Amino acid sequence: MAKSKTVELRVDFHPSGSYTLKAREGAQSAFTDLKGPLSCNHDKGEFYRAVAREIARRAGKRIAYSDTTADV
């Protein structure tokens, strides 16, 4: 079985109060913003429920998760 590549997921918090989940996979050099409730979301609860669904959707892959809101 081939090794799973690591998917990096990062939560960014904007001073306006919005949350965005960004992803970088494989050889990508830059993070890309994910869409829907994972982008520019001002509802913290809805956003983190969507993050949980995104992580579950990627089950079986190695995930590196970071959350910049912990730095605030």
C-alpha atoms as a PDB file:
ATOM      1  CA  MET A   1       0.000   0.000   0.000  1.00  0.00           C
ATOM      2  CA  ALA A   2       1.341   3.465  -0.899  1.00  0.00           C
ATOM      3  CA  LYS A   3       1.978   5.932   1.879  1.00  0.00           C
ATOM      4  CA  SER A   4      -0.670   8.615   2.271  1.00  0.00           C
ATOM      5  CA  LYS A   5       0.520  12.120   1.566  1.00  0.00           C
ATOM      6  CA  THR A   6       0.046  14.652   4.292  1.00  0.00           C
ATOM      7  CA  VAL A   7      -2.739  17.168   3.881  1.00  0.00           C
ATOM      8  CA  GLU A   8      -2.140  20.400   5.774  1.00  0.00           C
ATOM      9  CA  LEU A   9      -5.266  22.166   7.037  1.00  0.00           C
ATOM     10  CA  ARG A  10      -4.967  25.581   8.643  1.00  0.00           C
ATOM     11  CA  VAL A  11      -7.615  27.791  10.216  1.00  0.00           C
ATOM     12  CA  ASP A  12      -7.104  31.504   9.667  1.00  0.00           C
ATOM     13  CA  PHE A  13      -8.986  34.127  11.627  1.00  0.00           C
ATOM     14  CA  HIS A  14      -9.465  37.571  10.116  1.00  0.00           C
ATOM     15  CA  PRO A  15      -9.785  40.643  12.366  1.00  0.00           C
ATOM     16  CA  SER A  16     -13.229  41.231  10.814  1.00  0.00           C
ATOM     17  CA  GLY A  17     -14.368  38.119  12.701  1.00  0.00           C
ATOM     18  CA  SER A  18     -14.384  35.614   9.840  1.00  0.00           C
ATOM     19  CA  TYR A  19     -12.833  32.137   9.794  1.00  0.00           C
ATOM     20  CA  THR A  20     -11.352  30.398   6.736  1.00  0.00           C
ATOM     21  CA  LEU A  21      -9.956  26.888   6.367  1.00  0.00           C
ATOM     22  CA  LYS A  22      -6.994  26.618   4.022  1.00  0.00           C
ATOM     23  CA  ALA A  23      -5.513  23.427   2.603  1.00  0.00           C
ATOM     24  CA  ARG A  24      -2.198  22.400   1.074  1.00  0.00           C
ATOM     25  CA  GLU A  25      -1.611  18.944  -0.315  1.00  0.00           C
ATOM     26  CA  GLY A  26       1.334  17.143  -1.828  1.00  0.00           C
ATOM     27  CA  ALA A  27       3.708  19.378  -3.764  1.00  0.00           C
ATOM     28  CA  GLN A  28       1.560  22.515  -3.524  1.00  0.00           C
ATOM     29  CA  SER A  29       3.647  25.461  -2.422  1.00  0.00           C
ATOM     30  CA  ALA A  30       0.739  27.649  -1.296  1.00  0.00           C
ATOM     31  CA  PHE A  31      -2.410  27.088   0.726  1.00  0.00           C
ATOM     32  CA  THR A  32      -5.773  27.404  -1.031  1.00  0.00           C
ATOM     33  CA  ASP A  33      -8.981  28.601   0.608  1.00  0.00           C
ATOM     34  CA  LEU A  34     -11.684  25.961   0.824  1.00  0.00           C
ATOM     35  CA  LYS A  35     -15.214  26.887  -0.264  1.00  0.00           C
ATOM     36  CA  GLY A  36     -18.677  27.107   1.237  1.00  0.00           C
ATOM     37  CA  PRO A  37     -19.008  27.382   5.025  1.00  0.00           C
ATOM     38  CA  LEU A  38     -15.227  26.946   5.286  1.00  0.00           C
ATOM     39  CA  SER A  39     -14.550  30.345   3.712  1.00  0.00           C
ATOM     40  CA  CYS A  40     -15.074  33.795   5.274  1.00  0.00           C
ATOM     41  CA  ASN A  41     -17.520  32.409   7.822  1.00  0.00           C
ATOM     42  CA  HIS A  42     -18.537  34.681  10.710  1.00  0.00           C
ATOM     43  CA  ASP A  43     -20.468  31.910  12.523  1.00  0.00           C
ATOM     44  CA  LYS A  44     -17.878  30.160  14.700  1.00  0.00           C
ATOM     45  CA  GLY A  45     -20.082  27.135  15.473  1.00  0.00           C
ATOM     46  CA  GLU A  46     -21.067  26.539  11.844  1.00  0.00           C
ATOM     47  CA  PHE A  47     -17.446  26.961  10.764  1.00  0.00           C
ATOM     48  CA  TYR A  48     -15.994  24.419  13.198  1.00  0.00           C
ATOM     49  CA  ARG A  49     -18.751  21.884  12.421  1.00  0.00           C
ATOM     50  CA  ALA A  50     -17.784  22.257   8.739  1.00  0.00           C
ATOM     51  CA  VAL A  51     -14.104  21.782   9.678  1.00  0.00           C
ATOM     52  CA  ALA A  52     -14.999  18.526  11.465  1.00  0.00           C
ATOM     53  CA  ARG A  53     -16.883  17.323   8.371  1.00  0.00           C
ATOM     54  CA  GLU A  54     -13.911  18.226   6.137  1.00  0.00           C
ATOM     55  CA  ILE A  55     -11.509  16.270   8.333  1.00  0.00           C
ATOM     56  CA  ALA A  56     -13.895  13.282   8.348  1.00  0.00           C
ATOM     57  CA  ARG A  57     -14.192  13.521   4.554  1.00  0.00           C
ATOM     58  CA  ARG A  58     -10.434  13.116   4.322  1.00  0.00           C
ATOM     59  CA  ALA A  59     -10.399   9.985   6.514  1.00  0.00           C
ATOM     60  CA  GLY A  60      -7.504   7.696   5.681  1.00  0.00           C
ATOM     61  CA  LYS A  61      -5.140  10.554   4.828  1.00  0.00           C
ATOM     62  CA  ARG A  62      -2.519  11.926   7.175  1.00  0.00           C
ATOM     63  CA  ILE A  63      -3.677  15.382   8.307  1.00  0.00           C
ATOM     64  CA  ALA A  64      -1.598  18.149   9.869  1.00  0.00           C
ATOM     65  CA  TYR A  65      -4.008  20.637  11.467  1.00  0.00           C
ATOM     66  CA  SER A  66      -3.194  24.076  12.831  1.00  0.00           C
ATOM     67  CA  ASP A  67      -5.451  26.810  14.123  1.00  0.00           C
ATOM     68  CA  THR A  68      -4.126  30.366  14.255  1.00  0.00           C
ATOM     69  CA  THR A  69      -7.034  31.415  16.484  1.00  0.00           C
ATOM     70  CA  ALA A  70      -5.181  29.735  19.338  1.00  0.00           C
ATOM     71  CA  ASP A  71      -2.551  32.462  18.928  1.00  0.00           C
ATOM     72  CA  VAL A  72      -5.090  35.267  19.445  1.00  0.00           C
END
